[in-house]
Every structure is written in C-alpha cells, then in structure tokens.
PDB file of N, CA and C in Angstrom:
ATOM      1  N   MET A   1     -29.653 -20.415  12.512  1.00  0.00           N
ATOM      2  CA  MET A   1     -29.950 -18.891  11.678  1.00  0.00           C
ATOM      3  C   MET A   1     -28.484 -18.084  11.908  1.00  0.00           C
ATOM      4  N   GLN A   2     -27.680 -17.997  13.175  1.00  0.00           N
ATOM      5  CA  GLN A   2     -26.491 -17.266  13.881  1.00  0.00           C
ATOM      6  C   GLN A   2     -25.682 -17.942  12.788  1.00  0.00           C
ATOM      7  N   ASP A   3     -25.600 -19.096  12.725  1.00  0.00           N
ATOM      8  CA  ASP A   3     -24.388 -19.834  11.726  1.00  0.00           C
ATOM      9  C   ASP A   3     -24.604 -19.324  10.370  1.00  0.00           C
ATOM     10  N   ARG A   4     -25.572 -19.583   9.904  1.00  0.00           N
ATOM     11  CA  ARG A   4     -25.775 -18.761   8.507  1.00  0.00           C
ATOM     12  C   ARG A   4     -25.434 -17.445   7.994  1.00  0.00           C
ATOM     13  N   LYS A   5     -25.865 -16.711   8.965  1.00  0.00           N
ATOM     14  CA  LYS A   5     -25.295 -15.169   9.252  1.00  0.00           C
ATOM     15  C   LYS A   5     -23.569 -15.568   9.033  1.00  0.00           C
ATOM     16  N   ALA A   6     -22.935 -15.711   9.997  1.00  0.00           N
ATOM     17  CA  ALA A   6     -21.725 -15.724  10.160  1.00  0.00           C
ATOM     18  C   ALA A   6     -21.055 -16.396   9.133  1.00  0.00           C
ATOM     19  N   LYS A   7     -21.390 -17.174   8.353  1.00  0.00           N
ATOM     20  CA  LYS A   7     -21.083 -17.990   7.035  1.00  0.00           C
ATOM     21  C   LYS A   7     -20.781 -16.980   6.177  1.00  0.00           C
ATOM     22  N   TYR A   8     -21.751 -16.032   5.684  1.00  0.00           N
ATOM     23  CA  TYR A   8     -21.978 -15.068   4.362  1.00  0.00           C
ATOM     24  C   TYR A   8     -21.096 -13.547   5.103  1.00  0.00           C
ATOM     25  N   ARG A   9     -20.897 -13.319   6.047  1.00  0.00           N
ATOM     26  CA  ARG A   9     -20.310 -12.110   6.340  1.00  0.00           C
ATOM     27  C   ARG A   9     -18.763 -12.040   6.225  1.00  0.00           C
ATOM     28  N   PRO A  10     -17.811 -13.175   6.235  1.00  0.00           N
ATOM     29  CA  PRO A  10     -16.543 -12.463   5.450  1.00  0.00           C
ATOM     30  C   PRO A  10     -16.547 -12.442   4.135  1.00  0.00           C
ATOM     31  N   LYS A  11     -17.662 -12.632   3.243  1.00  0.00           N
ATOM     32  CA  LYS A  11     -17.637 -12.688   1.612  1.00  0.00           C
ATOM     33  C   LYS A  11     -18.196 -11.133   2.081  1.00  0.00           C
ATOM     34  N   ALA A  12     -18.823 -10.358   2.436  1.00  0.00           N
ATOM     35  CA  ALA A  12     -19.468  -8.874   2.173  1.00  0.00           C
ATOM     36  C   ALA A  12     -18.296  -8.410   2.428  1.00  0.00           C
ATOM     37  N   LEU A  13     -17.329  -8.664   3.819  1.00  0.00           N
ATOM     38  CA  LEU A  13     -16.613  -7.741   4.122  1.00  0.00           C
ATOM     39  C   LEU A  13     -15.379  -7.491   3.148  1.00  0.00           C
ATOM     40  N   ALA A  14     -15.458  -8.631   2.207  1.00  0.00           N
ATOM     41  CA  ALA A  14     -14.055  -8.911   1.225  1.00  0.00           C
ATOM     42  C   ALA A  14     -14.726  -7.720  -0.010  1.00  0.00           C
ATOM     43  N   ILE A  15     -16.103  -8.092  -0.196  1.00  0.00           N
ATOM     44  CA  ILE A  15     -16.542  -7.169  -1.120  1.00  0.00           C
ATOM     45  C   ILE A  15     -16.579  -5.463  -1.079  1.00  0.00           C
ATOM     46  N   GLU A  16     -16.719  -5.505   0.395  1.00  0.00           N
ATOM     47  CA  GLU A  16     -16.498  -3.907   0.881  1.00  0.00           C
ATOM     48  C   GLU A  16     -15.176  -3.304   0.820  1.00  0.00           C
ATOM     49  N   ARG A  17     -14.368  -4.555   0.989  1.00  0.00           N
ATOM     50  CA  ARG A  17     -12.878  -4.035   1.402  1.00  0.00           C
ATOM     51  C   ARG A  17     -11.825  -3.762  -0.175  1.00  0.00           C
ATOM     52  N   ASN A  18     -12.746  -4.884  -1.082  1.00  0.00           N
ATOM     53  CA  ASN A  18     -12.167  -4.446  -2.410  1.00  0.00           C
ATOM     54  C   ASN A  18     -12.826  -3.251  -3.123  1.00  0.00           C
ATOM     55  N   ALA A  19     -14.175  -2.511  -2.817  1.00  0.00           N
ATOM     56  CA  ALA A  19     -14.453  -1.285  -3.323  1.00  0.00           C
ATOM     57  C   ALA A  19     -13.621  -0.138  -2.841  1.00  0.00           C
ATOM     58  N   SER A  20     -13.490  -0.640  -1.412  1.00  0.00           N
ATOM     59  CA  SER A  20     -12.786   0.834  -0.950  1.00  0.00           C
ATOM     60  C   SER A  20     -11.293   1.042  -1.362  1.00  0.00           C
ATOM     61  N   GLN A  21     -10.748  -0.436  -1.707  1.00  0.00           N
ATOM     62  CA  GLN A  21      -9.602  -0.186  -1.925  1.00  0.00           C
ATOM     63  C   GLN A  21      -9.321   0.437  -3.407  1.00  0.00           C
ATOM     64  N   LYS A  22     -10.441   0.532  -4.228  1.00  0.00           N
ATOM     65  CA  LYS A  22     -10.271   0.891  -5.830  1.00  0.00           C
ATOM     66  C   LYS A  22     -10.463   2.331  -5.268  1.00  0.00           C
ATOM     67  N   THR A  23     -11.226   2.577  -4.515  1.00  0.00           N
ATOM     68  CA  THR A  23     -11.633   4.468  -4.538  1.00  0.00           C
ATOM     69  C   THR A  23     -10.282   4.926  -3.356  1.00  0.00           C
ATOM     70  N   GLY A  24      -9.531   4.054  -2.654  1.00  0.00           N
ATOM     71  CA  GLY A  24      -8.197   4.498  -1.893  1.00  0.00           C
ATOM     72  C   GLY A  24      -7.160   4.856  -2.636  1.00  0.00           C
ATOM     73  N   TRP A  25      -7.102   4.257  -3.600  1.00  0.00           N
ATOM     74  CA  TRP A  25      -6.126   4.696  -5.175  1.00  0.00           C
ATOM     75  C   TRP A  25      -6.348   6.506  -5.325  1.00  0.00           C
ATOM     76  N   TRP A  26      -7.141   6.965  -5.606  1.00  0.00           N
ATOM     77  CA  TRP A  26      -7.268   7.921  -6.166  1.00  0.00           C
ATOM     78  C   TRP A  26      -7.659   8.756  -5.013  1.00  0.00           C
ATOM     79  N   ARG A  27      -7.746   8.369  -3.814  1.00  0.00           N
ATOM     80  CA  ARG A  27      -7.981   9.541  -2.660  1.00  0.00           C
ATOM     81  C   ARG A  27      -6.478   9.487  -2.131  1.00  0.00           C
ATOM     82  N   PHE A  28      -5.568   8.672  -2.553  1.00  0.00           N
ATOM     83  CA  PHE A  28      -4.249   8.681  -1.815  1.00  0.00           C
ATOM     84  C   PHE A  28      -3.520   9.632  -3.039  1.00  0.00           C
ATOM     85  N   ALA A  29      -3.935   9.264  -4.118  1.00  0.00           N
ATOM     86  CA  ALA A  29      -3.265  10.303  -5.595  1.00  0.00           C
ATOM     87  C   ALA A  29      -3.468  11.725  -5.167  1.00  0.00           C
ATOM     88  N   ARG A  30      -4.851  11.990  -5.129  1.00  0.00           N
ATOM     89  CA  ARG A  30      -5.099  13.258  -4.604  1.00  0.00           C
ATOM     90  C   ARG A  30      -4.378  14.101  -3.685  1.00  0.00           C
ATOM     91  N   THR A  31      -4.029  13.146  -2.409  1.00  0.00           N
ATOM     92  CA  THR A  31      -3.390  13.524  -1.360  1.00  0.00           C
ATOM     93  C   THR A  31      -1.809  14.220  -1.509  1.00  0.00           C
ATOM     94  N   VAL A  32      -1.445  12.970  -2.008  1.00  0.00           N
ATOM     95  CA  VAL A  32       0.169  13.348  -2.572  1.00  0.00           C
ATOM     96  C   VAL A  32      -0.169  14.442  -3.233  1.00  0.00           C
ATOM     97  N   ALA A  33      -0.691  14.771  -4.343  1.00  0.00           N
ATOM     98  CA  ALA A  33      -0.815  15.816  -5.504  1.00  0.00           C
ATOM     99  C   ALA A  33      -0.918  17.417  -4.354  1.00  0.00           C
ATOM    100  N   LEU A  34      -1.523  17.274  -3.561  1.00  0.00           N
ATOM    101  CA  LEU A  34      -2.266  18.157  -2.710  1.00  0.00           C
ATOM    102  C   LEU A  34      -0.979  18.261  -1.292  1.00  0.00           C
ATOM    103  N   GLY A  35      -0.473  17.356  -1.297  1.00  0.00           N
ATOM    104  CA  GLY A  35       0.639  17.845  -0.427  1.00  0.00           C
ATOM    105  C   GLY A  35       2.074  18.341  -0.806  1.00  0.00           C
ATOM    106  N   THR A  36       2.272  17.839  -1.958  1.00  0.00           N
ATOM    107  CA  THR A  36       3.426  18.473  -2.792  1.00  0.00           C
ATOM    108  C   THR A  36       3.170  20.091  -3.514  1.00  0.00           C
ATOM    109  N   ILE A  37       2.133  20.293  -3.666  1.00  0.00           N
ATOM    110  CA  ILE A  37       1.683  22.062  -3.757  1.00  0.00           C
ATOM    111  C   ILE A  37       1.602  22.224  -2.403  1.00  0.00           C
ATOM    112  N   ALA A  38       1.355  21.986  -1.150  1.00  0.00           N
ATOM    113  CA  ALA A  38       1.550  22.940  -0.015  1.00  0.00           C
ATOM    114  C   ALA A  38       2.595  22.852   0.360  1.00  0.00           C
ATOM    115  N   LEU A  39       3.654  21.638   0.313  1.00  0.00           N
ATOM    116  CA  LEU A  39       5.145  21.789   0.486  1.00  0.00           C
ATOM    117  C   LEU A  39       6.068  22.695  -0.713  1.00  0.00           C
ATOM    118  N   THR A  40       5.639  22.787  -1.693  1.00  0.00           N
ATOM    119  CA  THR A  40       5.825  23.758  -2.973  1.00  0.00           C
ATOM    120  C   THR A  40       5.974  25.060  -1.872  1.00  0.00           C
ATOM    121  N   LEU A  41       4.846  25.568  -1.964  1.00  0.00           N
ATOM    122  CA  LEU A  41       4.292  26.670  -1.478  1.00  0.00           C
ATOM    123  C   LEU A  41       5.242  27.366   0.087  1.00  0.00           C
ATOM    124  N   GLY A  42       4.941  25.873   0.763  1.00  0.00           N
ATOM    125  CA  GLY A  42       5.719  26.338   1.848  1.00  0.00           C
ATOM    126  C   GLY A  42       7.197  26.381   2.193  1.00  0.00           C
ATOM    127  N   VAL A  43       7.592  25.961   1.086  1.00  0.00           N
ATOM    128  CA  VAL A  43       9.055  26.300   0.704  1.00  0.00           C
ATOM    129  C   VAL A  43       9.381  27.513   0.450  1.00  0.00           C
ATOM    130  N   ILE A  44       8.596  27.947  -0.522  1.00  0.00           N
ATOM    131  CA  ILE A  44       8.912  29.462  -1.009  1.00  0.00           C
ATOM    132  C   ILE A  44       8.592  29.982  -0.115  1.00  0.00           C
ATOM    133  N   TRP A  45       7.423  30.329   0.433  1.00  0.00           N
ATOM    134  CA  TRP A  45       7.222  30.917   1.862  1.00  0.00           C
ATOM    135  C   TRP A  45       8.247  31.115   2.673  1.00  0.00           C
ATOM    136  N   VAL A  46       9.208  29.965   3.322  1.00  0.00           N
ATOM    137  CA  VAL A  46      10.003  30.089   4.023  1.00  0.00           C
ATOM    138  C   VAL A  46      10.750  30.908   3.555  1.00  0.00           C
ATOM    139  N   GLY A  47      11.031  30.578   2.359  1.00  0.00           N
ATOM    140  CA  GLY A  47      12.565  31.109   1.749  1.00  0.00           C
ATOM    141  C   GLY A  47      12.399  32.684   1.509  1.00  0.00           C
ATOM    142  N   GLU A  48      11.005  33.236   1.434  1.00  0.00           N
ATOM    143  CA  GLU A  48      10.681  34.639   1.485  1.00  0.00           C
ATOM    144  C   GLU A  48      10.761  35.048   2.889  1.00  0.00           C
ATOM    145  N   GLN A  49      10.747  34.400   4.096  1.00  0.00           N
ATOM    146  CA  GLN A  49      10.794  34.682   5.655  1.00  0.00           C
ATOM    147  C   GLN A  49      12.263  35.145   5.725  1.00  0.00           C
ATOM    148  N   TYR A  50      13.039  34.643   4.948  1.00  0.00           N
ATOM    149  CA  TYR A  50      14.354  34.319   5.346  1.00  0.00           C
ATOM    150  C   TYR A  50      15.818  35.222   4.442  1.00  0.00           C
ATOM    151  N   GLY A  51      15.008  35.873   3.585  1.00  0.00           N
ATOM    152  CA  GLY A  51      15.355  36.882   2.456  1.00  0.00           C
ATOM    153  C   GLY A  51      16.032  36.055   1.308  1.00  0.00           C
ATOM    154  N   VAL A  52      15.697  34.775   1.204  1.00  0.00           N
ATOM    155  CA  VAL A  52      16.361  33.957  -0.037  1.00  0.00           C
ATOM    156  C   VAL A  52      15.491  34.213  -1.399  1.00  0.00           C
ATOM    157  N   ASP A  53      15.977  34.733  -2.807  1.00  0.00           N
ATOM    158  CA  ASP A  53      15.490  34.651  -3.572  1.00  0.00           C
ATOM    159  C   ASP A  53      14.602  33.618  -3.987  1.00  0.00           C
ATOM    160  N   ARG A  54      13.346  33.910  -4.711  1.00  0.00           N
ATOM    161  CA  ARG A  54      12.316  33.036  -4.973  1.00  0.00           C
ATOM    162  C   ARG A  54      12.916  32.238  -6.330  1.00  0.00           C
ATOM    163  N   ARG A  55      13.667  32.944  -7.036  1.00  0.00           N
ATOM    164  CA  ARG A  55      14.529  31.942  -7.985  1.00  0.00           C
ATOM    165  C   ARG A  55      14.999  30.931  -7.380  1.00  0.00           C
ATOM    166  N   GLU A  56      15.981  31.171  -6.738  1.00  0.00           N
ATOM    167  CA  GLU A  56      16.940  30.770  -5.992  1.00  0.00           C
ATOM    168  C   GLU A  56      16.418  29.064  -5.211  1.00  0.00           C
ATOM    169  N   VAL A  57      15.317  29.625  -4.427  1.00  0.00           N
ATOM    170  CA  VAL A  57      14.560  28.547  -3.608  1.00  0.00           C
ATOM    171  C   VAL A  57      14.108  27.658  -4.623  1.00  0.00           C
ATOM    172  N   LEU A  58      13.361  28.273  -5.682  1.00  0.00           N
ATOM    173  CA  LEU A  58      12.719  27.342  -6.746  1.00  0.00           C
ATOM    174  C   LEU A  58      13.904  26.266  -7.372  1.00  0.00           C
ATOM    175  N   GLU A  59      15.083  26.764  -7.827  1.00  0.00           N
ATOM    176  CA  GLU A  59      16.288  26.283  -8.311  1.00  0.00           C
ATOM    177  C   GLU A  59      16.463  24.793  -7.455  1.00  0.00           C
ATOM    178  N   PHE A  60      16.653  25.413  -6.028  1.00  0.00           N
ATOM    179  CA  PHE A  60      16.829  24.094  -5.250  1.00  0.00           C
ATOM    180  C   PHE A  60      16.069  23.065  -5.037  1.00  0.00           C
ATOM    181  N   PHE A  61      14.983  23.175  -5.496  1.00  0.00           N
ATOM    182  CA  PHE A  61      14.045  22.637  -5.002  1.00  0.00           C
ATOM    183  C   PHE A  61      13.335  21.642  -6.447  1.00  0.00           C
ATOM    184  N   GLY A  62      14.094  22.468  -7.249  1.00  0.00           N
ATOM    185  CA  GLY A  62      14.076  21.605  -8.993  1.00  0.00           C
ATOM    186  C   GLY A  62      15.010  20.865  -9.067  1.00  0.00           C
ATOM    187  N   THR A  63      16.418  20.829  -8.110  1.00  0.00           N
ATOM    188  CA  THR A  63      17.592  20.436  -8.096  1.00  0.00           C
ATOM    189  C   THR A  63      17.015  18.989  -7.115  1.00  0.00           C
ATOM    190  N   GLY A  64      16.437  19.225  -6.019  1.00  0.00           N
ATOM    191  CA  GLY A  64      16.389  18.157  -4.995  1.00  0.00           C
ATOM    192  C   GLY A  64      15.055  17.120  -6.297  1.00  0.00           C
ATOM    193  N   LEU A  65      14.183  17.816  -6.709  1.00  0.00           N
ATOM    194  CA  LEU A  65      13.397  16.676  -7.770  1.00  0.00           C
ATOM    195  C   LEU A  65      14.105  15.766  -8.678  1.00  0.00           C
ATOM    196  N   LEU A  66      15.057  16.712  -9.121  1.00  0.00           N
ATOM    197  CA  LEU A  66      15.817  15.742 -10.383  1.00  0.00           C
ATOM    198  C   LEU A  66      16.575  14.550  -9.758  1.00  0.00           C
ATOM    199  N   PHE A  67      17.307  15.014  -8.601  1.00  0.00           N
ATOM    200  CA  PHE A  67      17.490  14.139  -7.990  1.00  0.00           C
ATOM    201  C   PHE A  67      16.995  12.777  -7.397  1.00  0.00           C
ATOM    202  N   VAL A  68      15.758  13.022  -6.901  1.00  0.00           N
ATOM    203  CA  VAL A  68      14.975  12.115  -6.537  1.00  0.00           C
ATOM    204  C   VAL A  68      14.505  11.714  -7.791  1.00  0.00           C
ATOM    205  N   GLY A  69      14.459  11.800  -8.989  1.00  0.00           N
ATOM    206  CA  GLY A  69      14.002  11.082 -10.015  1.00  0.00           C
ATOM    207  C   GLY A  69      15.163  10.596 -10.768  1.00  0.00           C
ATOM    208  N   VAL A  70      16.162  10.622 -10.517  1.00  0.00           N
ATOM    209  CA  VAL A  70      17.336   9.917 -10.709  1.00  0.00           C
ATOM    210  C   VAL A  70      17.280   8.908  -9.816  1.00  0.00           C
ATOM    211  N   LEU A  71      16.925   8.907  -8.981  1.00  0.00           N
ATOM    212  CA  LEU A  71      17.303   7.621  -7.888  1.00  0.00           C
ATOM    213  C   LEU A  71      15.934   6.879  -8.430  1.00  0.00           C
ATOM    214  N   VAL A  72      14.896   7.600  -8.706  1.00  0.00           N
ATOM    215  CA  VAL A  72      13.117   6.586  -9.134  1.00  0.00           C
ATOM    216  C   VAL A  72      13.941   5.677 -10.331  1.00  0.00           C
ATOM    217  N   VAL A  73      14.825   6.379 -10.983  1.00  0.00           N
ATOM    218  CA  VAL A  73      14.901   6.074 -12.880  1.00  0.00           C
ATOM    219  C   VAL A  73      15.958   4.874 -12.142  1.00  0.00           C
ATOM    220  N   GLY A  74      16.605   5.117 -11.453  1.00  0.00           N
ATOM    221  CA  GLY A  74      17.790   4.129 -11.317  1.00  0.00           C
ATOM    222  C   GLY A  74      17.224   2.643 -10.475  1.00  0.00           C
ATOM    223  N   ALA A  75      16.203   2.983  -9.551  1.00  0.00           N
ATOM    224  CA  ALA A  75      15.487   1.790  -9.525  1.00  0.00           C
ATOM    225  C   ALA A  75      15.069   0.910 -10.078  1.00  0.00           C
ATOM    226  N   LEU A  76      14.264   1.468 -11.108  1.00  0.00           N
ATOM    227  CA  LEU A  76      13.579   1.018 -12.157  1.00  0.00           C
ATOM    228  C   LEU A  76      14.264  -0.064 -12.895  1.00  0.00           C
ATOM    229  N   VAL A  77      15.721   0.551 -13.310  1.00  0.00           N
ATOM    230  CA  VAL A  77      16.546   0.255 -14.393  1.00  0.00           C
ATOM    231  C   VAL A  77      17.315  -1.048 -13.453  1.00  0.00           C
ATOM    232  N   PHE A  78      17.413  -0.966 -11.695  1.00  0.00           N
ATOM    233  CA  PHE A  78      17.837  -2.003 -11.487  1.00  0.00           C
ATOM    234  C   PHE A  78      16.711  -3.311 -11.295  1.00  0.00           C
ATOM    235  N   ILE A  79      15.611  -3.191 -11.112  1.00  0.00           N
ATOM    236  CA  ILE A  79      14.328  -3.867 -10.819  1.00  0.00           C
ATOM    237  C   ILE A  79      13.784  -4.476 -12.299  1.00  0.00           C
ATOM    238  N   ALA A  80      14.369  -3.832 -13.523  1.00  0.00           N
ATOM    239  CA  ALA A  80      14.441  -4.587 -14.654  1.00  0.00           C
ATOM    240  C   ALA A  80      15.420  -5.598 -15.024  1.00  0.00           C
ATOM    241  N   ALA A  81      16.315  -4.579 -14.499  1.00  0.00           N
ATOM    242  CA  ALA A  81      17.443  -6.051 -15.258  1.00  0.00           C
ATOM    243  C   ALA A  81      17.524  -6.988 -14.161  1.00  0.00           C
ATOM    244  N   PHE A  82      17.188  -7.164 -13.065  1.00  0.00           N
ATOM    245  CA  PHE A  82      16.991  -8.073 -11.992  1.00  0.00           C
ATOM    246  C   PHE A  82      15.946  -8.962 -12.369  1.00  0.00           C
ATOM    247  N   ILE A  83      14.807  -8.670 -12.808  1.00  0.00           N
ATOM    248  CA  ILE A  83      13.663  -9.198 -13.467  1.00  0.00           C
ATOM    249  C   ILE A  83      14.028 -10.072 -14.681  1.00  0.00           C
ATOM    250  N   ALA A  84      14.993  -9.373 -15.709  1.00  0.00           N
ATOM    251  CA  ALA A  84      15.167 -10.005 -16.923  1.00  0.00           C
ATOM    252  C   ALA A  84      16.364 -11.226 -16.451  1.00  0.00           C
ATOM    253  N   LEU A  85      16.967 -10.886 -15.871  1.00  0.00           N
ATOM    254  CA  LEU A  85      18.233 -11.841 -15.042  1.00  0.00           C
ATOM    255  C   LEU A  85      17.482 -13.086 -14.625  1.00  0.00           C
ATOM    256  N   ARG A  86      17.017 -13.012 -13.689  1.00  0.00           N
ATOM    257  CA  ARG A  86      16.016 -13.745 -13.458  1.00  0.00           C
ATOM    258  C   ARG A  86      15.157 -14.655 -14.604  1.00  0.00           C
ATOM    259  N   ARG A  87      14.760 -14.032 -15.283  1.00  0.00           N
ATOM    260  CA  ARG A  87      13.926 -14.593 -16.338  1.00  0.00           C
ATOM    261  C   ARG A  87      14.991 -15.450 -17.351  1.00  0.00           C
ATOM    262  N   LEU A  88      16.388 -15.197 -17.422  1.00  0.00           N
ATOM    263  CA  LEU A  88      17.195 -15.765 -18.152  1.00  0.00           C
ATOM    264  C   LEU A  88      17.683 -17.031 -17.460  1.00  0.00           C
ATOM    265  N   LEU A  89      17.796 -17.092 -16.214  1.00  0.00           N
ATOM    266  CA  LEU A  89      18.254 -18.221 -15.248  1.00  0.00           C
ATOM    267  C   LEU A  89      17.216 -19.213 -15.385  1.00  0.00           C
ATOM    268  N   ARG A  90      16.173 -18.876 -15.487  1.00  0.00           N
ATOM    269  CA  ARG A  90      14.987 -19.908 -15.381  1.00  0.00           C
ATOM    270  C   ARG A  90      15.342 -20.690 -16.988  1.00  0.00           C
ATOM    271  N   LYS A  91      15.357 -20.283 -17.940  1.00  0.00           N
ATOM    272  CA  LYS A  91      15.065 -21.169 -18.905  1.00  0.00           C
ATOM    273  C   LYS A  91      16.240 -21.647 -19.185  1.00  0.00           C
TER     274      LYS A  91
END
C-alpha cells in the first residue's frame, strides 16, 4: 500500500506546483506595481526632506525611467535580430 501512495504523490505535487505558478505571476505583478508606487513616493519624500523641488525630483525619476525603457527596447531589438539571424542561417 505504501508503494502505491508513493507512486501517485509526485503527480499530485506537480499539479499543485503548476496551479501555484499560475497564481504566482499575478502576485509578482502586484508586488512589482506596489513596489514601484512605494519607491516613487519614497523618492519624492526624500527629495522634499533635502529641499529638492518636487518637479525636479519627478524629472530625474522620469529620466531614469526613460533610460531603463531605452535599454529594454534595445535588448528586445537585439533579441529579435538574433532570432531572425538564427532562423535565416538554419534555412
């Protein structure tokens, strides 16, 4: 009887893991969004504590976001070019 339970246990664990991974993505996205909001408010608060104008802090923050966005787009273009080149060389 023990052998039979041990045989079916890994399948049940795999099903549980798959279900938790589906909900895990939503939790991750929520955590990233809340972390971004907290970071933005924290940067504004620290700027105000040091006497930096709120508009200037937001400009620096926007510039940083623009820089990260340019890096992400550049990486996506590089990946797309790499995949296209690989497909061309296979044919």
